[in-house]
Amino acid sequence: MIATKSTHFTKEEIKKLRELFDTYIKTVIDVKRKLCSAGANRHFESEKILLERGSHQSDLWGGGVDLETKIIDGNSLINIRPKDKNLSNEIQDAKIREEFEKLSKYFFKEIYER
């Protein structure tokens, strides 16, 4: 299941989003528009959804949430964009990484507010 929204995911949605990887949910977040697409097998699937909904490539960053350790990572092949000065699959810009983590905690507040 892939879900795309601007509000936090419910417990029921998180249960469905974890179907592919059980303890890990892949995410792509539009850090400008504050939209999250989660639950895809590959990040590019969520990226495509957000682009079709009007997001700009430079605002999209991929990563995921480990539901057991509560670690948020900013690691995705879609992050490799020399044009945007990101030469790695990790989010290299500290401000963008911080915003990505903040938004991840918002979208998955059911995990972080337990």
Protein backbone atom coordinates (compact mmCIF):
# COMPACT_ATOMS: atom_id res chain seq x y z
CA MET A 1 0.00 0.00 0.00
CA ILE A 2 1.20 3.49 -0.83
CA ALA A 3 -0.42 6.38 0.99
CA THR A 4 0.16 10.04 0.19
CA LYS A 5 -1.06 12.79 2.45
CA SER A 6 -0.37 16.02 4.27
CA THR A 7 -1.57 14.86 7.69
CA HIS A 8 -0.11 12.24 10.01
CA PHE A 9 -0.65 8.55 9.34
CA THR A 10 -3.07 6.73 11.62
CA LYS A 11 -2.21 3.49 13.44
CA GLU A 12 -4.30 1.60 10.89
CA GLU A 13 -2.49 3.23 7.96
CA ILE A 14 0.91 2.50 9.50
CA LYS A 15 -0.08 -1.14 9.87
CA LYS A 16 -0.83 -1.27 6.13
CA LEU A 17 2.27 0.76 5.17
CA ARG A 18 4.56 -1.75 6.85
CA GLU A 19 3.26 -4.69 4.81
CA LEU A 20 6.27 -4.75 2.44
CA PHE A 21 9.15 -4.50 4.90
CA ASP A 22 7.48 -5.16 8.30
CA THR A 23 9.66 -2.91 10.48
CA TYR A 24 10.64 -0.29 7.90
CA ILE A 25 8.59 2.15 5.85
CA LYS A 26 10.09 3.91 2.83
CA THR A 27 9.10 7.55 2.53
CA VAL A 28 9.42 10.43 0.10
CA ILE A 29 8.67 13.85 1.50
CA ASP A 30 8.06 17.13 -0.27
CA VAL A 31 9.77 19.35 2.28
CA LYS A 32 8.29 22.53 0.82
CA ARG A 33 4.65 21.46 0.47
CA LYS A 34 4.80 19.17 3.53
CA LEU A 35 3.47 16.07 1.77
CA CYS A 36 4.53 12.50 2.43
CA SER A 37 4.16 9.46 0.21
CA ALA A 38 4.98 6.26 2.08
CA GLY A 39 4.84 2.50 1.79
CA ALA A 40 6.31 1.99 -1.68
CA ASN A 41 8.63 -0.85 -2.61
CA ARG A 42 10.97 1.65 -4.30
CA HIS A 43 11.31 5.36 -3.56
CA PHE A 44 10.78 6.32 -7.19
CA GLU A 45 7.20 5.05 -6.96
CA SER A 46 6.35 7.59 -4.27
CA GLU A 47 8.42 10.23 -6.04
CA LYS A 48 6.32 9.73 -9.19
CA ILE A 49 3.08 10.17 -7.23
CA LEU A 50 4.26 13.44 -5.71
CA LEU A 51 5.54 14.77 -9.05
CA GLU A 52 2.15 13.98 -10.60
CA ARG A 53 0.54 15.99 -7.78
CA GLY A 54 2.58 19.07 -8.55
CA SER A 55 5.72 18.68 -6.44
CA HIS A 56 9.06 19.89 -7.74
CA GLN A 57 11.96 17.45 -7.93
CA SER A 58 14.24 19.70 -5.88
CA ASP A 59 11.77 19.55 -2.94
CA LEU A 60 11.52 15.73 -2.85
CA TRP A 61 13.73 13.71 -0.54
CA GLY A 62 13.67 10.01 0.18
CA GLY A 63 14.37 7.92 3.23
CA GLY A 64 12.47 5.91 5.73
CA VAL A 65 11.44 5.12 9.26
CA ASP A 66 12.62 2.08 11.22
CA LEU A 67 9.64 1.24 13.39
CA GLU A 68 11.63 -0.76 15.95
CA THR A 69 14.55 1.60 16.57
CA LYS A 70 12.64 4.77 15.63
CA ILE A 71 15.62 5.81 13.51
CA ILE A 72 14.82 8.09 10.57
CA ASP A 73 17.18 7.86 7.65
CA GLY A 74 17.53 10.07 4.61
CA ASN A 75 18.93 7.39 2.34
CA SER A 76 17.57 6.90 -1.16
CA LEU A 77 18.83 6.75 -4.73
CA ILE A 78 16.39 9.58 -5.60
CA ASN A 79 18.53 11.85 -3.40
CA ILE A 80 21.49 11.65 -5.79
CA ARG A 81 21.10 14.96 -7.62
CA PRO A 82 24.27 16.85 -8.55
CA LYS A 83 22.05 19.66 -9.88
CA ASP A 84 20.81 20.21 -6.31
CA LYS A 85 24.34 19.77 -4.89
CA ASN A 86 23.51 16.38 -3.37
CA LEU A 87 26.12 13.91 -4.60
CA SER A 88 25.15 11.06 -2.28
CA ASN A 89 22.13 8.90 -1.62
CA GLU A 90 22.12 10.53 1.85
CA ILE A 91 20.57 13.96 2.34
CA GLN A 92 23.72 16.09 2.65
CA ASP A 93 22.27 19.55 3.35
CA ALA A 94 21.85 19.86 7.14
CA LYS A 95 18.79 22.13 6.92
CA ILE A 96 17.00 19.82 4.47
CA ARG A 97 17.90 16.75 6.55
CA GLU A 98 16.59 18.47 9.69
CA GLU A 99 13.32 19.39 7.96
CA PHE A 100 12.99 15.84 6.57
CA GLU A 101 13.41 14.39 10.08
CA LYS A 102 10.99 16.89 11.63
CA LEU A 103 8.35 16.10 9.00
CA SER A 104 8.94 12.35 9.36
CA LYS A 105 8.23 12.64 13.10
CA TYR A 106 5.07 14.58 12.30
CA PHE A 107 3.78 12.11 9.71
CA PHE A 108 4.61 9.16 11.99
CA LYS A 109 3.69 10.77 15.29
CA GLU A 110 1.89 7.56 16.28
CA ILE A 111 5.35 6.00 16.47
CA TYR A 112 7.16 8.91 18.14
CA GLU A 113 4.53 9.87 20.71
CA ARG A 114 4.20 6.45 22.31
